[in-house]
Amino acid sequence: MKHILLASLALLCVAARAEDPVKPSELPLWELGIGAGAISQVAYPGADEQVSRGTALPYVVYRGKRLRSDADGAGLRAIRTDDFELDLSLSGSLSSGSKSLKAREGMDRLPTLVEFGPVARWYLNGREASHRITVELPLRGVFELRDFGHHRGMSLEPEISLRHRDRTGWSYGVGFSALLGDRRLGETYYEVKPEDAMANRPAYDASSGLIAWRLKASLSRQLTPDMRVFGFARVESVAGAANKDSPLVKRTNGASVGIGLVYTLKRSEARAVD
């Protein structure tokens, strides 16, 4: 169940970045379908090992006036204007699962993390632009999935992105962001307690600040009215990061990739509220 949920969160994040090739007002209010895919990502920024998941699961898209689960993510829209909106959104990240990472041998395994908080979004050239430029400012609390009361810190990831959609069925997006975290989040990834220290892994006190730079790209293709294939890639770097000197940082640069297929089983006749 844990692996299914992790893969579900990953697929949601990937599929949510795939742009719909038509205007929002032309889309159905809701869609039900099935998605399948696989993802391989760096275990954590600076790691030299990958974590992989694959699954098939149902998916839901809803494009209501307040409640949204669409190309811009999933959450509660609080404010919306022609060039700005404020959402309350949910995100997540893959844990190391049952895999024992060599760099963290003998240490607690990375937990499944859920991120929740507001996202401010500005559409610099209008939300209906075919080549849409967006600035996002998400501020999220980070919690353990198994123990939601266990707060793991706060994250802030300002991002600027360009997304394109057209009626031929092709859509793509590119984005650049900086992931920042408070000390508690830094400790989650990079702290080495004295009792976990080894000859090749000295004790380390993590600090707040930059965690990683991220460059992202996504591509999708509408194969039929009901079927779409998508993929994404992300390159991240800990160059200049606050905890780059942690013994748990084994590599400056890392990459994550994912592919998937979604099939719509049913959609509403009512149009999206936008």
Protein backbone atom coordinates (compact mmCIF):
# COMPACT_ATOMS: atom_id res chain seq x y z
CA MET A 1 0.00 0.00 0.00
CA LYS A 2 2.85 2.34 0.84
CA HIS A 3 4.50 1.82 -2.55
CA ILE A 4 1.20 2.37 -4.36
CA LEU A 5 0.65 5.66 -2.55
CA LEU A 6 4.17 6.83 -3.30
CA ALA A 7 3.80 6.02 -6.97
CA SER A 8 0.40 7.70 -6.98
CA LEU A 9 1.88 10.90 -5.63
CA ALA A 10 4.65 10.78 -8.20
CA LEU A 11 2.26 10.16 -11.09
CA LEU A 12 0.02 12.98 -9.90
CA CYS A 13 2.94 15.40 -9.90
CA VAL A 14 4.05 14.29 -13.37
CA ALA A 15 0.62 14.19 -15.00
CA ALA A 16 -0.33 17.53 -13.48
CA ARG A 17 2.42 19.24 -15.46
CA ALA A 18 1.13 17.97 -18.81
CA GLU A 19 -0.77 20.82 -20.46
CA ASP A 20 -4.20 20.32 -21.98
CA PRO A 21 -4.12 21.22 -25.70
CA VAL A 22 -7.30 23.33 -25.57
CA LYS A 23 -8.55 26.28 -23.55
CA PRO A 24 -9.78 25.53 -20.00
CA SER A 25 -13.30 26.70 -20.86
CA GLU A 26 -13.50 23.96 -23.52
CA LEU A 27 -12.58 21.16 -21.10
CA PRO A 28 -15.03 18.97 -19.17
CA LEU A 29 -15.74 19.77 -15.53
CA TRP A 30 -14.50 16.34 -14.45
CA GLU A 31 -12.78 13.28 -15.88
CA LEU A 32 -12.29 9.75 -14.59
CA GLY A 33 -9.66 7.40 -15.93
CA ILE A 34 -6.72 5.09 -15.41
CA GLY A 35 -3.06 6.03 -15.34
CA ALA A 36 0.04 3.87 -15.45
CA GLY A 37 3.65 4.88 -15.30
CA ALA A 38 7.11 4.54 -13.83
CA ILE A 39 9.50 6.99 -12.22
CA SER A 40 13.17 6.86 -11.27
CA GLN A 41 14.45 9.71 -9.13
CA VAL A 42 17.47 10.67 -7.06
CA ALA A 43 16.92 9.36 -3.53
CA TYR A 44 17.49 12.90 -2.21
CA PRO A 45 19.34 15.95 -3.56
CA GLY A 46 23.05 15.08 -3.57
CA ALA A 47 22.54 11.30 -3.42
CA ASP A 48 24.34 8.93 -5.79
CA GLU A 49 21.54 6.33 -5.77
CA GLN A 50 18.15 6.19 -7.47
CA VAL A 51 14.72 5.23 -6.13
CA SER A 52 12.26 3.73 -8.63
CA ARG A 53 8.52 3.06 -8.59
CA GLY A 54 5.93 1.85 -11.08
CA THR A 55 2.18 1.36 -10.81
CA ALA A 56 -1.26 1.61 -12.41
CA LEU A 57 -4.04 3.48 -10.63
CA PRO A 58 -7.28 5.41 -11.15
CA TYR A 59 -7.09 9.17 -11.55
CA VAL A 60 -9.56 12.03 -11.18
CA VAL A 61 -9.51 15.49 -12.78
CA TYR A 62 -11.86 18.16 -11.46
CA ARG A 63 -11.94 21.75 -12.71
CA GLY A 64 -14.31 23.51 -10.33
CA LYS A 65 -14.31 27.17 -9.36
CA ARG A 66 -12.60 26.47 -6.02
CA LEU A 67 -11.65 22.80 -5.88
CA ARG A 68 -9.11 21.96 -8.59
CA SER A 69 -7.20 18.92 -9.76
CA ASP A 70 -5.87 19.77 -13.21
CA ALA A 71 -2.79 20.83 -15.21
CA ASP A 72 -1.76 23.29 -12.49
CA GLY A 73 -1.91 20.78 -9.64
CA ALA A 74 -4.37 19.67 -7.00
CA GLY A 75 -5.78 21.85 -4.27
CA LEU A 76 -8.18 24.54 -3.17
CA ARG A 77 -8.21 27.77 -5.17
CA ALA A 78 -8.66 30.69 -2.81
CA ILE A 79 -8.18 33.68 -5.15
CA ARG A 80 -8.30 33.94 -8.93
CA THR A 81 -7.86 36.87 -11.34
CA ASP A 82 -6.84 37.04 -14.99
CA ASP A 83 -3.14 36.97 -14.14
CA PHE A 84 -2.95 35.70 -10.54
CA GLU A 85 -4.29 32.93 -8.34
CA LEU A 86 -3.70 31.64 -4.83
CA ASP A 87 -4.16 27.93 -4.22
CA LEU A 88 -3.96 25.63 -1.24
CA SER A 89 -2.15 22.61 -2.60
CA LEU A 90 -0.77 19.18 -1.78
CA SER A 91 2.46 17.61 -2.98
CA GLY A 92 4.62 14.63 -2.09
CA SER A 93 7.98 12.95 -2.62
CA LEU A 94 9.24 9.41 -2.93
CA SER A 95 10.95 7.89 0.10
CA SER A 96 13.76 5.38 0.01
CA GLY A 97 11.15 2.73 0.80
CA SER A 98 12.63 -0.65 1.69
CA LYS A 99 15.87 0.18 -0.14
CA SER A 100 18.89 0.66 2.10
CA LEU A 101 20.98 3.55 0.80
CA LYS A 102 24.72 2.98 1.15
CA ALA A 103 25.38 6.57 2.25
CA ARG A 104 22.81 6.18 5.06
CA GLU A 105 23.78 2.67 6.15
CA GLY A 106 22.74 2.15 9.76
CA MET A 107 20.71 5.38 9.81
CA ASP A 108 16.96 5.83 9.77
CA ARG A 109 15.51 5.44 6.30
CA LEU A 110 14.05 8.48 4.63
CA PRO A 111 10.32 8.61 5.36
CA THR A 112 7.47 9.21 2.98
CA LEU A 113 6.94 12.97 2.96
CA VAL A 114 3.78 14.94 2.25
CA GLU A 115 3.92 18.69 1.58
CA PHE A 116 0.95 20.97 2.15
CA GLY A 117 0.54 24.73 1.90
CA PRO A 118 -0.33 27.81 -0.19
CA VAL A 119 0.93 28.45 -3.73
CA ALA A 120 0.88 31.93 -5.28
CA ARG A 121 0.90 31.82 -9.10
CA TRP A 122 1.39 34.71 -11.53
CA TYR A 123 0.72 34.38 -15.29
CA LEU A 124 3.10 36.93 -16.75
CA ASN A 125 1.63 36.93 -20.27
CA GLY A 126 -1.91 35.73 -19.44
CA ARG A 127 -3.26 32.33 -18.53
CA GLU A 128 -4.61 31.71 -22.06
CA ALA A 129 -1.27 32.34 -23.85
CA SER A 130 -0.14 29.46 -26.07
CA HIS A 131 3.40 29.93 -24.69
CA ARG A 132 2.51 30.70 -21.09
CA ILE A 133 5.11 32.10 -18.71
CA THR A 134 4.34 31.45 -15.06
CA VAL A 135 5.99 32.38 -11.78
CA GLU A 136 5.07 30.18 -8.82
CA LEU A 137 5.84 30.67 -5.13
CA PRO A 138 4.85 27.58 -3.11
CA LEU A 139 5.34 27.58 0.66
CA ARG A 140 4.66 24.18 2.18
CA GLY A 141 4.89 22.39 5.49
CA VAL A 142 6.56 18.99 5.23
CA PHE A 143 5.16 16.07 7.24
CA GLU A 144 5.66 12.33 7.53
CA LEU A 145 2.87 10.32 5.93
CA ARG A 146 2.86 7.63 8.61
CA ASP A 147 2.79 10.20 11.41
CA PHE A 148 1.24 13.39 10.06
CA GLY A 149 1.87 15.08 13.38
CA HIS A 150 5.62 14.71 12.83
CA HIS A 151 6.60 18.00 11.23
CA ARG A 152 9.74 17.69 9.10
CA GLY A 153 10.15 21.38 8.25
CA MET A 154 9.15 24.00 5.71
CA SER A 155 10.01 24.27 2.03
CA LEU A 156 9.92 27.19 -0.39
CA GLU A 157 10.46 26.59 -4.12
CA PRO A 158 10.16 29.70 -6.33
CA GLU A 159 9.89 28.65 -9.98
CA ILE A 160 9.62 30.27 -13.39
CA SER A 161 8.28 28.10 -16.19
CA LEU A 162 7.27 28.16 -19.83
CA ARG A 163 4.47 25.88 -21.03
CA HIS A 164 3.13 25.41 -24.53
CA ARG A 165 -0.01 23.73 -25.76
CA ASP A 166 -1.43 23.37 -29.25
CA ARG A 167 -4.27 21.64 -31.06
CA THR A 168 -2.03 19.08 -32.76
CA GLY A 169 -1.88 17.17 -29.48
CA TRP A 170 1.67 18.05 -28.47
CA SER A 171 2.39 19.93 -25.23
CA TYR A 172 5.60 20.69 -23.43
CA GLY A 173 6.90 22.63 -20.47
CA VAL A 174 10.25 23.72 -19.03
CA GLY A 175 10.91 25.24 -15.63
CA PHE A 176 13.73 26.40 -13.38
CA SER A 177 13.45 26.54 -9.60
CA ALA A 178 15.39 26.80 -6.37
CA LEU A 179 14.37 24.54 -3.48
CA LEU A 180 14.94 26.11 -0.07
CA GLY A 181 14.31 24.58 3.32
CA ASP A 182 14.48 25.44 6.99
CA ARG A 183 16.91 23.75 9.36
CA ARG A 184 14.50 20.95 10.21
CA LEU A 185 14.15 19.98 6.56
CA GLY A 186 17.92 20.20 6.11
CA GLU A 187 18.33 17.82 9.05
CA THR A 188 15.92 15.35 7.45
CA TYR A 189 18.20 14.95 4.44
CA TYR A 190 21.71 15.78 5.60
CA GLU A 191 22.22 15.57 9.38
CA VAL A 192 24.51 12.86 10.75
CA LYS A 193 24.04 12.39 14.49
CA PRO A 194 27.08 11.46 16.62
CA GLU A 195 25.71 7.96 17.18
CA ASP A 196 25.48 7.48 13.38
CA ALA A 197 29.01 8.71 12.67
CA MET A 198 31.54 6.38 11.05
CA ALA A 199 35.13 6.72 9.89
CA ASN A 200 33.95 7.77 6.43
CA ARG A 201 30.84 9.57 7.70
CA PRO A 202 31.63 12.17 10.37
CA ALA A 203 28.92 13.83 12.44
CA TYR A 204 27.31 16.79 10.73
CA ASP A 205 24.89 19.51 11.84
CA ALA A 206 22.62 20.55 8.98
CA SER A 207 21.53 24.13 8.42
CA SER A 208 18.75 26.00 6.65
CA GLY A 209 19.09 27.50 3.17
CA LEU A 210 19.35 26.31 -0.41
CA ILE A 211 18.79 22.57 -0.87
CA ALA A 212 19.01 22.27 -4.66
CA TRP A 213 18.64 23.99 -8.02
CA ARG A 214 16.20 22.24 -10.37
CA LEU A 215 15.73 22.31 -14.13
CA LYS A 216 12.58 20.48 -15.27
CA ALA A 217 11.08 19.51 -18.63
CA SER A 218 7.87 17.68 -19.57
CA LEU A 219 6.37 16.46 -22.84
CA SER A 220 2.98 14.96 -23.62
CA ARG A 221 1.12 13.76 -26.70
CA GLN A 222 -2.62 13.25 -27.13
CA LEU A 223 -2.81 9.96 -29.07
CA THR A 224 -6.61 9.73 -29.16
CA PRO A 225 -9.40 11.81 -27.56
CA ASP A 226 -9.17 9.45 -24.58
CA MET A 227 -5.48 8.52 -24.42
CA ARG A 228 -2.41 10.59 -23.64
CA VAL A 229 1.24 9.64 -23.15
CA PHE A 230 3.58 11.83 -21.15
CA GLY A 231 7.11 11.98 -19.81
CA PHE A 232 9.30 14.23 -17.73
CA ALA A 233 12.95 14.78 -16.80
CA ARG A 234 14.50 16.78 -13.99
CA VAL A 235 18.13 17.68 -13.40
CA GLU A 236 19.10 19.03 -10.01
CA SER A 237 22.31 20.34 -8.50
CA VAL A 238 23.50 20.99 -4.96
CA ALA A 239 26.22 23.39 -6.14
CA GLY A 240 26.30 26.23 -3.61
CA ALA A 241 23.75 24.49 -1.38
CA ALA A 242 23.75 25.13 2.35
CA ASN A 243 24.56 21.49 3.17
CA LYS A 244 26.82 20.56 0.26
CA ASP A 245 29.59 19.66 2.77
CA SER A 246 27.46 16.99 4.46
CA PRO A 247 29.03 13.51 4.21
CA LEU A 248 25.65 12.35 2.86
CA VAL A 249 26.17 14.46 -0.29
CA LYS A 250 27.85 12.09 -2.71
CA ARG A 251 27.22 13.78 -6.04
CA THR A 252 26.75 17.39 -7.10
CA ASN A 253 24.30 16.67 -9.93
CA GLY A 254 21.52 14.13 -10.32
CA ALA A 255 18.66 13.33 -12.67
CA SER A 256 15.12 11.96 -12.41
CA VAL A 257 12.92 10.65 -15.24
CA GLY A 258 9.41 9.32 -15.61
CA ILE A 259 6.99 8.10 -18.28
CA GLY A 260 3.30 7.32 -18.22
CA LEU A 261 0.04 6.77 -20.04
CA VAL A 262 -3.42 7.99 -19.04
CA TYR A 263 -6.73 6.78 -20.44
CA THR A 264 -9.99 8.64 -19.82
CA LEU A 265 -12.93 6.33 -19.13
CA LYS A 266 -15.63 8.95 -18.56
CA ARG A 267 -15.99 12.73 -18.66
CA SER A 268 -18.77 15.16 -17.83
CA GLU A 269 -20.87 17.02 -20.37
CA ALA A 270 -20.63 20.13 -18.19
CA ARG A 271 -17.72 22.43 -19.04
CA ALA A 272 -14.94 23.51 -16.69
CA VAL A 273 -15.61 26.47 -14.41
CA ASP A 274 -12.81 28.88 -15.27
